[in-house]
Structures are given as structure tokens and as C-alpha cells.
């Protein structure tokens, strides 16, 4: 059984998907949804080229409550990446999902 090790983005809380470059396993994209209950900076698409030692934000959401909902790689051109962004907020009494900050 494979073991997972946290190599960064600890404040993202939720990672929707991880894409590993098929040609270079040190090149990884992480689709970070972010905190469920409040805004935070570790939302969006993050990239590492050193196997997770350092991460840079490749795509940010429109605001502090927008994160990456899903990410995919084109099978025809692996350099083409599609990312869907989502603005949401969970509260004890409601769930807000905004269309205006969504983007593909």
C-alpha cells in the first residue's frame, strides 16, 4: 500500500485533485479548494517543480473564498491544463455557491 506524505500547502485544508506531469514526477499541480468555513490564501492552482519542496500559485481565484474545484490535463497536448474555479462558503445554517466568480 502506498503511503502519502504532506509536502506543503498545509493551510489549504482541501485539495480537489493533484496532477503529476507524466514526463517529470517533480512537476506537480495541486487544485486547492481551500477552507470550508472561512477565506484563506492557499486557494487556487499551485505548482511545484521540485517534488513539493516549494510551491507557487499558478492561478488565483477572484477573491478569498474562490478556490480550484477541478483540474485536468489535455490528452492531446499535456502542456494544456484546464482548471475550474469556484466561489463558495459553508456556514452552519447555509451553503453559498456563487456563479459570478466561477471561471474555466
PDB file of N, CA and C in Angstrom:
ATOM      1  N   UNK A   1       0.836  -1.176   0.000  1.00  0.00           N
ATOM      2  CA  UNK A   1       0.000   0.000   0.000  1.00  0.00           C
ATOM      3  C   UNK A   1       0.883   1.242   0.000  1.00  0.00           C
ATOM      4  N   UNK A   2       0.552   2.212  -0.847  1.00  0.00           N
ATOM      5  CA  UNK A   2       1.336   3.443  -0.952  1.00  0.00           C
ATOM      6  C   UNK A   2       1.072   4.341   0.254  1.00  0.00           C
ATOM      7  N   UNK A   3       2.099   5.061   0.652  1.00  0.00           N
ATOM      8  CA  UNK A   3       1.985   5.976   1.765  1.00  0.00           C
ATOM      9  C   UNK A   3       2.047   7.404   1.250  1.00  0.00           C
ATOM     10  N   UNK A   4       1.204   8.287   1.794  1.00  0.00           N
ATOM     11  CA  UNK A   4       1.204   9.691   1.400  1.00  0.00           C
ATOM     12  C   UNK A   4       1.938  10.518   2.437  1.00  0.00           C
ATOM     13  N   UNK A   5       2.695  11.504   1.965  1.00  0.00           N
ATOM     14  CA  UNK A   5       3.424  12.414   2.837  1.00  0.00           C
ATOM     15  C   UNK A   5       3.051  13.838   2.461  1.00  0.00           C
ATOM     16  N   UNK A   6       2.694  14.636   3.448  1.00  0.00           N
ATOM     17  CA  UNK A   6       2.373  16.036   3.191  1.00  0.00           C
ATOM     18  C   UNK A   6       3.658  16.776   2.860  1.00  0.00           C
ATOM     19  N   UNK A   7       3.695  17.407   1.680  1.00  0.00           N
ATOM     20  CA  UNK A   7       4.886  18.138   1.249  1.00  0.00           C
ATOM     21  C   UNK A   7       4.577  19.620   1.000  1.00  0.00           C
ATOM     22  N   UNK A   8       3.596  20.140   1.689  1.00  0.00           N
ATOM     23  CA  UNK A   8       3.307  21.565   1.553  1.00  0.00           C
ATOM     24  C   UNK A   8       1.826  21.846   1.427  1.00  0.00           C
ATOM     25  N   UNK A   9       1.504  23.130   1.297  1.00  0.00           N
ATOM     26  CA  UNK A   9       0.127  23.601   1.186  1.00  0.00           C
ATOM     27  C   UNK A   9      -0.717  23.137   2.374  1.00  0.00           C
ATOM     28  N   UNK A  10      -0.126  23.162   3.551  1.00  0.00           N
ATOM     29  CA  UNK A  10      -0.804  22.661   4.754  1.00  0.00           C
ATOM     30  C   UNK A  10      -2.020  23.490   5.132  1.00  0.00           C
ATOM     31  N   UNK A  11      -2.056  24.775   4.754  1.00  0.00           N
ATOM     32  CA  UNK A  11      -3.199  25.617   5.115  1.00  0.00           C
ATOM     33  C   UNK A  11      -4.311  25.565   4.072  1.00  0.00           C
ATOM     34  N   UNK A  12      -4.153  24.786   3.028  1.00  0.00           N
ATOM     35  CA  UNK A  12      -5.202  24.699   2.012  1.00  0.00           C
ATOM     36  C   UNK A  12      -6.402  23.900   2.525  1.00  0.00           C
ATOM     37  N   UNK A  13      -6.177  22.986   3.422  1.00  0.00           N
ATOM     38  CA  UNK A  13      -7.173  22.091   4.026  1.00  0.00           C
ATOM     39  C   UNK A  13      -7.803  21.114   3.042  1.00  0.00           C
ATOM     40  N   UNK A  14      -8.168  21.567   1.839  1.00  0.00           N
ATOM     41  CA  UNK A  14      -8.839  20.684   0.883  1.00  0.00           C
ATOM     42  C   UNK A  14      -8.168  20.766  -0.481  1.00  0.00           C
ATOM     43  N   UNK A  15      -7.698  19.634  -0.974  1.00  0.00           N
ATOM     44  CA  UNK A  15      -7.112  19.526  -2.311  1.00  0.00           C
ATOM     45  C   UNK A  15      -8.068  18.676  -3.141  1.00  0.00           C
ATOM     46  N   UNK A  16      -8.639  19.264  -4.203  1.00  0.00           N
ATOM     47  CA  UNK A  16      -9.610  18.541  -5.025  1.00  0.00           C
ATOM     48  C   UNK A  16      -8.930  17.516  -5.931  1.00  0.00           C
ATOM     49  N   UNK A  17      -7.762  17.871  -6.457  1.00  0.00           N
ATOM     50  CA  UNK A  17      -7.081  16.949  -7.376  1.00  0.00           C
ATOM     51  C   UNK A  17      -5.605  17.323  -7.464  1.00  0.00           C
ATOM     52  N   UNK A  18      -4.782  16.333  -7.736  1.00  0.00           N
ATOM     53  CA  UNK A  18      -3.343  16.517  -7.946  1.00  0.00           C
ATOM     54  C   UNK A  18      -3.000  15.950  -9.311  1.00  0.00           C
ATOM     55  N   UNK A  19      -2.297  16.741 -10.126  1.00  0.00           N
ATOM     56  CA  UNK A  19      -1.846  16.282 -11.446  1.00  0.00           C
ATOM     57  C   UNK A  19      -0.323  16.177 -11.435  1.00  0.00           C
ATOM     58  N   UNK A  20       0.184  15.010 -11.759  1.00  0.00           N
ATOM     59  CA  UNK A  20       1.628  14.802 -11.857  1.00  0.00           C
ATOM     60  C   UNK A  20       1.980  14.763 -13.336  1.00  0.00           C
ATOM     61  N   UNK A  21       2.985  15.535 -13.728  1.00  0.00           N
ATOM     62  CA  UNK A  21       3.439  15.562 -15.113  1.00  0.00           C
ATOM     63  C   UNK A  21       3.919  14.163 -15.498  1.00  0.00           C
ATOM     64  N   UNK A  22       3.360  13.587 -16.569  1.00  0.00           N
ATOM     65  CA  UNK A  22       3.758  12.229 -16.948  1.00  0.00           C
ATOM     66  C   UNK A  22       5.223  12.110 -17.375  1.00  0.00           C
ATOM     67  N   UNK A  23       5.848  13.232 -17.731  1.00  0.00           N
ATOM     68  CA  UNK A  23       7.252  13.219 -18.160  1.00  0.00           C
ATOM     69  C   UNK A  23       8.231  13.550 -17.039  1.00  0.00           C
ATOM     70  N   UNK A  24       7.721  14.168 -15.941  1.00  0.00           N
ATOM     71  CA  UNK A  24       8.598  14.607 -14.852  1.00  0.00           C
ATOM     72  C   UNK A  24       7.806  14.590 -13.552  1.00  0.00           C
ATOM     73  N   UNK A  25       8.028  13.610 -12.715  1.00  0.00           N
ATOM     74  CA  UNK A  25       7.243  13.453 -11.486  1.00  0.00           C
ATOM     75  C   UNK A  25       7.518  14.538 -10.445  1.00  0.00           C
ATOM     76  N   UNK A  26       8.527  15.370 -10.643  1.00  0.00           N
ATOM     77  CA  UNK A  26       8.768  16.506  -9.746  1.00  0.00           C
ATOM     78  C   UNK A  26       7.884  17.701 -10.094  1.00  0.00           C
ATOM     79  N   UNK A  27       7.289  17.688 -11.281  1.00  0.00           N
ATOM     80  CA  UNK A  27       6.420  18.766 -11.767  1.00  0.00           C
ATOM     81  C   UNK A  27       4.973  18.383 -11.460  1.00  0.00           C
ATOM     82  N   UNK A  28       4.388  19.064 -10.470  1.00  0.00           N
ATOM     83  CA  UNK A  28       3.064  18.688  -9.960  1.00  0.00           C
ATOM     84  C   UNK A  28       2.181  19.927  -9.851  1.00  0.00           C
ATOM     85  N   UNK A  29       0.901  19.770 -10.192  1.00  0.00           N
ATOM     86  CA  UNK A  29      -0.107  20.808  -9.995  1.00  0.00           C
ATOM     87  C   UNK A  29      -1.095  20.340  -8.936  1.00  0.00           C
ATOM     88  N   UNK A  30      -1.449  21.234  -8.020  1.00  0.00           N
ATOM     89  CA  UNK A  30      -2.430  20.925  -6.979  1.00  0.00           C
ATOM     90  C   UNK A  30      -3.607  21.880  -7.105  1.00  0.00           C
ATOM     91  N   UNK A  31      -4.794  21.328  -7.141  1.00  0.00           N
ATOM     92  CA  UNK A  31      -6.046  22.083  -7.227  1.00  0.00           C
ATOM     93  C   UNK A  31      -6.580  22.233  -5.806  1.00  0.00           C
ATOM     94  N   UNK A  32      -6.359  23.408  -5.196  1.00  0.00           N
ATOM     95  CA  UNK A  32      -6.709  23.642  -3.793  1.00  0.00           C
ATOM     96  C   UNK A  32      -8.043  24.365  -3.675  1.00  0.00           C
ATOM     97  N   UNK A  33      -9.018  23.694  -3.079  1.00  0.00           N
ATOM     98  CA  UNK A  33     -10.327  24.294  -2.849  1.00  0.00           C
ATOM     99  C   UNK A  33     -10.254  25.304  -1.720  1.00  0.00           C
ATOM    100  N   UNK A  34      -9.483  25.025  -0.696  1.00  0.00           N
ATOM    101  CA  UNK A  34      -9.311  25.954   0.424  1.00  0.00           C
ATOM    102  C   UNK A  34     -10.204  25.624   1.602  1.00  0.00           C
ATOM    103  N   UNK A  35     -10.210  26.541   2.562  1.00  0.00           N
ATOM    104  CA  UNK A  35     -11.000  26.352   3.776  1.00  0.00           C
ATOM    105  C   UNK A  35     -12.487  26.299   3.467  1.00  0.00           C
ATOM    106  N   UNK A  36     -13.186  25.478   4.185  1.00  0.00           N
ATOM    107  CA  UNK A  36     -14.628  25.353   4.032  1.00  0.00           C
ATOM    108  C   UNK A  36     -15.360  26.499   4.729  1.00  0.00           C
ATOM    109  N   UNK A  37     -14.880  26.917   5.897  1.00  0.00           N
ATOM    110  CA  UNK A  37     -15.621  27.844   6.755  1.00  0.00           C
ATOM    111  C   UNK A  37     -15.163  29.293   6.667  1.00  0.00           C
ATOM    112  N   UNK A  38     -13.993  29.579   6.093  1.00  0.00           N
ATOM    113  CA  UNK A  38     -13.511  30.964   6.026  1.00  0.00           C
ATOM    114  C   UNK A  38     -12.550  31.152   4.848  1.00  0.00           C
ATOM    115  N   UNK A  39     -12.272  32.422   4.523  1.00  0.00           N
ATOM    116  CA  UNK A  39     -11.333  32.747   3.446  1.00  0.00           C
ATOM    117  C   UNK A  39      -9.911  32.351   3.853  1.00  0.00           C
ATOM    118  N   UNK A  40      -9.082  32.049   2.846  1.00  0.00           N
ATOM    119  CA  UNK A  40      -7.661  31.833   3.100  1.00  0.00           C
ATOM    120  C   UNK A  40      -6.877  31.985   1.803  1.00  0.00           C
ATOM    121  N   UNK A  41      -5.566  32.158   1.929  1.00  0.00           N
ATOM    122  CA  UNK A  41      -4.700  32.415   0.777  1.00  0.00           C
ATOM    123  C   UNK A  41      -4.328  31.162  -0.010  1.00  0.00           C
ATOM    124  N   UNK A  42      -4.359  29.997   0.606  1.00  0.00           N
ATOM    125  CA  UNK A  42      -3.971  28.769  -0.098  1.00  0.00           C
ATOM    126  C   UNK A  42      -5.170  28.175  -0.831  1.00  0.00           C
ATOM    127  N   UNK A  43      -5.663  28.927  -1.809  1.00  0.00           N
ATOM    128  CA  UNK A  43      -6.748  28.521  -2.696  1.00  0.00           C
ATOM    129  C   UNK A  43      -6.288  28.753  -4.109  1.00  0.00           C
ATOM    130  N   UNK A  44      -6.703  27.897  -5.030  1.00  0.00           N
ATOM    131  CA  UNK A  44      -6.344  28.077  -6.426  1.00  0.00           C
ATOM    132  C   UNK A  44      -5.513  26.914  -6.925  1.00  0.00           C
ATOM    133  N   UNK A  45      -4.756  27.169  -7.986  1.00  0.00           N
ATOM    134  CA  UNK A  45      -3.882  26.146  -8.563  1.00  0.00           C
ATOM    135  C   UNK A  45      -2.447  26.466  -8.159  1.00  0.00           C
ATOM    136  N   UNK A  46      -1.772  25.483  -7.583  1.00  0.00           N
ATOM    137  CA  UNK A  46      -0.383  25.632  -7.154  1.00  0.00           C
ATOM    138  C   UNK A  46       0.489  24.662  -7.928  1.00  0.00           C
ATOM    139  N   UNK A  47       1.749  25.079  -8.146  1.00  0.00           N
ATOM    140  CA  UNK A  47       2.678  24.254  -8.908  1.00  0.00           C
ATOM    141  C   UNK A  47       4.008  24.112  -8.162  1.00  0.00           C
ATOM    142  N   UNK A  48       4.541  22.914  -8.245  1.00  0.00           N
ATOM    143  CA  UNK A  48       5.889  22.663  -7.764  1.00  0.00           C
ATOM    144  C   UNK A  48       6.672  22.017  -8.900  1.00  0.00           C
ATOM    145  N   UNK A  49       7.938  22.357  -9.003  1.00  0.00           N
ATOM    146  CA  UNK A  49       8.814  21.715  -9.987  1.00  0.00           C
ATOM    147  C   UNK A  49       9.952  20.970  -9.289  1.00  0.00           C
ATOM    148  N   UNK A  50       9.900  20.953  -7.947  1.00  0.00           N
ATOM    149  CA  UNK A  50      10.950  20.280  -7.183  1.00  0.00           C
ATOM    150  C   UNK A  50      10.379  19.195  -6.261  1.00  0.00           C
ATOM    151  N   UNK A  51       9.280  18.582  -6.686  1.00  0.00           N
ATOM    152  CA  UNK A  51       8.709  17.484  -5.921  1.00  0.00           C
ATOM    153  C   UNK A  51       8.014  17.894  -4.636  1.00  0.00           C
ATOM    154  N   UNK A  52       7.641  19.168  -4.510  1.00  0.00           N
ATOM    155  CA  UNK A  52       6.894  19.627  -3.348  1.00  0.00           C
ATOM    156  C   UNK A  52       7.684  20.400  -2.321  1.00  0.00           C
ATOM    157  N   UNK A  53       8.979  20.620  -2.570  1.00  0.00           N
ATOM    158  CA  UNK A  53       9.769  21.408  -1.617  1.00  0.00           C
ATOM    159  C   UNK A  53       9.296  22.857  -1.587  1.00  0.00           C
ATOM    160  N   UNK A  54       8.976  23.407  -2.765  1.00  0.00           N
ATOM    161  CA  UNK A  54       8.449  24.775  -2.859  1.00  0.00           C
ATOM    162  C   UNK A  54       7.232  24.769  -3.778  1.00  0.00           C
ATOM    163  N   UNK A  55       6.281  25.654  -3.486  1.00  0.00           N
ATOM    164  CA  UNK A  55       5.048  25.772  -4.276  1.00  0.00           C
ATOM    165  C   UNK A  55       4.840  27.230  -4.657  1.00  0.00           C
ATOM    166  N   UNK A  56       4.349  27.464  -5.866  1.00  0.00           N
ATOM    167  CA  UNK A  56       3.976  28.805  -6.309  1.00  0.00           C
ATOM    168  C   UNK A  56       2.529  28.765  -6.781  1.00  0.00           C
ATOM    169  N   UNK A  57       1.828  29.867  -6.565  1.00  0.00           N
ATOM    170  CA  UNK A  57       0.444  29.943  -7.012  1.00  0.00           C
ATOM    171  C   UNK A  57       0.437  30.234  -8.502  1.00  0.00           C
ATOM    172  N   UNK A  58      -0.111  29.316  -9.285  1.00  0.00           N
ATOM    173  CA  UNK A  58      -0.169  29.457 -10.736  1.00  0.00           C
ATOM    174  C   UNK A  58      -1.463  30.133 -11.177  1.00  0.00           C
ATOM    175  N   UNK A  59      -2.530  29.971 -10.390  1.00  0.00           N
ATOM    176  CA  UNK A  59      -3.821  30.572 -10.724  1.00  0.00           C
ATOM    177  C   UNK A  59      -4.570  30.857  -9.436  1.00  0.00           C
ATOM    178  N   UNK A  60      -4.939  32.120  -9.246  1.00  0.00           N
ATOM    179  CA  UNK A  60      -5.681  32.533  -8.055  1.00  0.00           C
ATOM    180  C   UNK A  60      -7.153  32.700  -8.401  1.00  0.00           C
ATOM    181  N   UNK A  61      -7.992  32.568  -7.388  1.00  0.00           N
ATOM    182  CA  UNK A  61      -9.417  32.827  -7.563  1.00  0.00           C
ATOM    183  C   UNK A  61      -9.700  34.317  -7.580  1.00  0.00           C
ATOM    184  N   UNK A  62     -10.950  34.660  -7.830  1.00  0.00           N
ATOM    185  CA  UNK A  62     -11.361  36.068  -7.921  1.00  0.00           C
ATOM    186  C   UNK A  62     -11.352  36.764  -6.568  1.00  0.00           C
ATOM    187  N   UNK A  63     -11.441  35.993  -5.472  1.00  0.00           N
ATOM    188  CA  UNK A  63     -11.483  36.577  -4.133  1.00  0.00           C
ATOM    189  C   UNK A  63     -11.033  35.520  -3.117  1.00  0.00           C
ATOM    190  N   UNK A  64     -11.091  35.860  -1.838  1.00  0.00           N
ATOM    191  CA  UNK A  64     -10.601  34.969  -0.786  1.00  0.00           C
ATOM    192  C   UNK A  64     -11.435  33.730  -0.548  1.00  0.00           C
ATOM    193  N   UNK A  65     -12.632  33.675  -1.129  1.00  0.00           N
ATOM    194  CA  UNK A  65     -13.478  32.485  -0.959  1.00  0.00           C
ATOM    195  C   UNK A  65     -13.562  31.655  -2.239  1.00  0.00           C
ATOM    196  N   UNK A  66     -12.745  31.999  -3.246  1.00  0.00           N
ATOM    197  CA  UNK A  66     -12.716  31.235  -4.508  1.00  0.00           C
ATOM    198  C   UNK A  66     -11.513  30.299  -4.521  1.00  0.00           C
ATOM    199  N   UNK A  67     -11.772  29.053  -4.860  1.00  0.00           N
ATOM    200  CA  UNK A  67     -10.699  28.070  -4.940  1.00  0.00           C
ATOM    201  C   UNK A  67     -10.831  27.245  -6.205  1.00  0.00           C
ATOM    202  N   UNK A  68      -9.942  26.302  -6.354  1.00  0.00           N
ATOM    203  CA  UNK A  68      -9.960  25.413  -7.522  1.00  0.00           C
ATOM    204  C   UNK A  68     -10.900  24.244  -7.235  1.00  0.00           C
ATOM    205  N   UNK A  69     -11.880  24.048  -8.113  1.00  0.00           N
ATOM    206  CA  UNK A  69     -12.842  22.964  -7.952  1.00  0.00           C
ATOM    207  C   UNK A  69     -12.383  21.684  -8.655  1.00  0.00           C
ATOM    208  N   UNK A  70     -11.743  21.838  -9.823  1.00  0.00           N
ATOM    209  CA  UNK A  70     -11.274  20.667 -10.578  1.00  0.00           C
ATOM    210  C   UNK A  70     -10.206  21.123 -11.560  1.00  0.00           C
ATOM    211  N   UNK A  71      -9.318  20.201 -11.878  1.00  0.00           N
ATOM    212  CA  UNK A  71      -8.233  20.473 -12.820  1.00  0.00           C
ATOM    213  C   UNK A  71      -8.041  19.230 -13.686  1.00  0.00           C
ATOM    214  N   UNK A  72      -7.688  19.455 -14.962  1.00  0.00           N
ATOM    215  CA  UNK A  72      -7.484  18.332 -15.881  1.00  0.00           C
ATOM    216  C   UNK A  72      -6.401  18.684 -16.884  1.00  0.00           C
ATOM    217  N   UNK A  73      -5.755  17.659 -17.420  1.00  0.00           N
ATOM    218  CA  UNK A  73      -4.708  17.817 -18.422  1.00  0.00           C
ATOM    219  C   UNK A  73      -5.243  17.306 -19.757  1.00  0.00           C
ATOM    220  N   UNK A  74      -4.981  18.048 -20.831  1.00  0.00           N
ATOM    221  CA  UNK A  74      -5.395  17.615 -22.164  1.00  0.00           C
ATOM    222  C   UNK A  74      -4.624  16.358 -22.557  1.00  0.00           C
ATOM    223  N   UNK A  75      -5.332  15.352 -23.051  1.00  0.00           N
ATOM    224  CA  UNK A  75      -4.661  14.141 -23.511  1.00  0.00           C
ATOM    225  C   UNK A  75      -3.968  14.370 -24.849  1.00  0.00           C
ATOM    226  N   UNK A  76      -4.460  15.322 -25.637  1.00  0.00           N
ATOM    227  CA  UNK A  76      -3.829  15.628 -26.931  1.00  0.00           C
ATOM    228  C   UNK A  76      -2.561  16.462 -26.753  1.00  0.00           C
ATOM    229  N   UNK A  77      -2.576  17.377 -25.767  1.00  0.00           N
ATOM    230  CA  UNK A  77      -1.424  18.244 -25.509  1.00  0.00           C
ATOM    231  C   UNK A  77      -1.229  18.352 -24.003  1.00  0.00           C
ATOM    232  N   UNK A  78      -0.353  17.537 -23.405  1.00  0.00           N
ATOM    233  CA  UNK A  78      -0.175  17.518 -21.953  1.00  0.00           C
ATOM    234  C   UNK A  78       0.234  18.860 -21.343  1.00  0.00           C
ATOM    235  N   UNK A  79       0.686  19.815 -22.177  1.00  0.00           N
ATOM    236  CA  UNK A  79       1.037  21.135 -21.657  1.00  0.00           C
ATOM    237  C   UNK A  79      -0.194  22.014 -21.459  1.00  0.00           C
ATOM    238  N   UNK A  80      -1.347  21.573 -21.973  1.00  0.00           N
ATOM    239  CA  UNK A  80      -2.592  22.325 -21.819  1.00  0.00           C
ATOM    240  C   UNK A  80      -3.329  21.825 -20.582  1.00  0.00           C
ATOM    241  N   UNK A  81      -3.595  22.762 -19.662  1.00  0.00           N
ATOM    242  CA  UNK A  81      -4.256  22.446 -18.397  1.00  0.00           C
ATOM    243  C   UNK A  81      -5.568  23.219 -18.330  1.00  0.00           C
ATOM    244  N   UNK A  82      -6.615  22.559 -17.874  1.00  0.00           N
ATOM    245  CA  UNK A  82      -7.922  23.192 -17.661  1.00  0.00           C
ATOM    246  C   UNK A  82      -8.197  23.211 -16.160  1.00  0.00           C
ATOM    247  N   UNK A  83      -8.597  24.377 -15.652  1.00  0.00           N
ATOM    248  CA  UNK A  83      -8.913  24.496 -14.228  1.00  0.00           C
ATOM    249  C   UNK A  83     -10.254  25.202 -14.072  1.00  0.00           C
ATOM    250  N   UNK A  84     -11.095  24.667 -13.213  1.00  0.00           N
ATOM    251  CA  UNK A  84     -12.387  25.282 -12.902  1.00  0.00           C
ATOM    252  C   UNK A  84     -12.293  25.891 -11.510  1.00  0.00           C
ATOM    253  N   UNK A  85     -12.624  27.177 -11.404  1.00  0.00           N
ATOM    254  CA  UNK A  85     -12.583  27.891 -10.131  1.00  0.00           C
ATOM    255  C   UNK A  85     -13.996  28.015  -9.577  1.00  0.00           C
ATOM    256  N   UNK A  86     -14.110  28.045  -8.228  1.00  0.00           N
ATOM    257  CA  UNK A  86     -15.418  28.025  -7.580  1.00  0.00           C
ATOM    258  C   UNK A  86     -15.387  28.904  -6.338  1.00  0.00           C
ATOM    259  N   UNK A  87     -16.360  29.801  -6.224  1.00  0.00           N
ATOM    260  CA  UNK A  87     -16.522  30.665  -5.056  1.00  0.00           C
ATOM    261  C   UNK A  87     -17.620  30.068  -4.179  1.00  0.00           C
ATOM    262  N   UNK A  88     -17.270  29.703  -2.957  1.00  0.00           N
ATOM    263  CA  UNK A  88     -18.258  29.082  -2.070  1.00  0.00           C
ATOM    264  C   UNK A  88     -17.982  29.444  -0.612  1.00  0.00           C
ATOM    265  N   UNK A  89     -18.994  29.275   0.215  1.00  0.00           N
ATOM    266  CA  UNK A  89     -18.836  29.459   1.663  1.00  0.00           C
ATOM    267  C   UNK A  89     -19.821  28.555   2.384  1.00  0.00           C
ATOM    268  N   UNK A  90     -19.329  27.761   3.303  1.00  0.00           N
ATOM    269  CA  UNK A  90     -20.162  26.913   4.154  1.00  0.00           C
ATOM    270  C   UNK A  90     -20.343  27.627   5.498  1.00  0.00           C
ATOM    271  N   UNK A  91     -21.563  27.657   5.975  1.00  0.00           N
ATOM    272  CA  UNK A  91     -21.861  28.156   7.315  1.00  0.00           C
ATOM    273  C   UNK A  91     -22.774  27.134   7.969  1.00  0.00           C
ATOM    274  N   UNK A  92     -22.922  27.206   9.263  1.00  0.00           N
ATOM    275  CA  UNK A  92     -23.725  26.224   9.982  1.00  0.00           C
ATOM    276  C   UNK A  92     -25.175  26.165   9.518  1.00  0.00           C
ATOM    277  N   UNK A  93     -25.679  27.247   9.014  1.00  0.00           N
ATOM    278  CA  UNK A  93     -27.090  27.331   8.633  1.00  0.00           C
ATOM    279  C   UNK A  93     -27.315  27.412   7.123  1.00  0.00           C
ATOM    280  N   UNK A  94     -26.252  27.505   6.322  1.00  0.00           N
ATOM    281  CA  UNK A  94     -26.430  27.650   4.879  1.00  0.00           C
ATOM    282  C   UNK A  94     -25.159  27.263   4.119  1.00  0.00           C
ATOM    283  N   UNK A  95     -25.281  27.188   2.833  1.00  0.00           N
ATOM    284  CA  UNK A  95     -24.146  26.950   1.944  1.00  0.00           C
ATOM    285  C   UNK A  95     -24.293  27.899   0.760  1.00  0.00           C
ATOM    286  N   UNK A  96     -23.292  28.775   0.539  1.00  0.00           N
ATOM    287  CA  UNK A  96     -23.344  29.731  -0.562  1.00  0.00           C
ATOM    288  C   UNK A  96     -22.417  29.266  -1.666  1.00  0.00           C
ATOM    289  N   UNK A  97     -22.930  29.250  -2.883  1.00  0.00           N
ATOM    290  CA  UNK A  97     -22.140  28.906  -4.054  1.00  0.00           C
ATOM    291  C   UNK A  97     -22.419  29.971  -5.110  1.00  0.00           C
ATOM    292  N   UNK A  98     -21.418  30.778  -5.425  1.00  0.00           N
ATOM    293  CA  UNK A  98     -21.598  31.923  -6.314  1.00  0.00           C
ATOM    294  C   UNK A  98     -21.195  31.602  -7.750  1.00  0.00           C
ATOM    295  N   UNK A  99     -22.040  31.992  -8.663  1.00  0.00           N
ATOM    296  CA  UNK A  99     -21.759  31.805 -10.087  1.00  0.00           C
ATOM    297  C   UNK A  99     -20.830  32.884 -10.628  1.00  0.00           C
ATOM    298  N   UNK A 100     -20.880  34.082 -10.065  1.00  0.00           N
ATOM    299  CA  UNK A 100     -20.113  35.201 -10.654  1.00  0.00           C
ATOM    300  C   UNK A 100     -18.611  35.022 -10.563  1.00  0.00           C
ATOM    301  N   UNK A 101     -18.107  34.243  -9.637  1.00  0.00           N
ATOM    302  CA  UNK A 101     -16.653  34.068  -9.523  1.00  0.00           C
ATOM    303  C   UNK A 101     -16.184  32.748 -10.131  1.00  0.00           C
ATOM    304  N   UNK A 102     -17.080  32.014 -10.748  1.00  0.00           N
ATOM    305  CA  UNK A 102     -16.670  30.775 -11.399  1.00  0.00           C
ATOM    306  C   UNK A 102     -15.983  31.078 -12.720  1.00  0.00           C
ATOM    307  N   UNK A 103     -15.004  30.303 -13.044  1.00  0.00           N
ATOM    308  CA  UNK A 103     -14.279  30.506 -14.303  1.00  0.00           C
ATOM    309  C   UNK A 103     -13.640  29.202 -14.732  1.00  0.00           C
ATOM    310  N   UNK A 104     -13.497  29.041 -16.026  1.00  0.00           N
ATOM    311  CA  UNK A 104     -12.790  27.882 -16.560  1.00  0.00           C
ATOM    312  C   UNK A 104     -11.686  28.404 -17.459  1.00  0.00           C
TER     313      UNK A 104
END
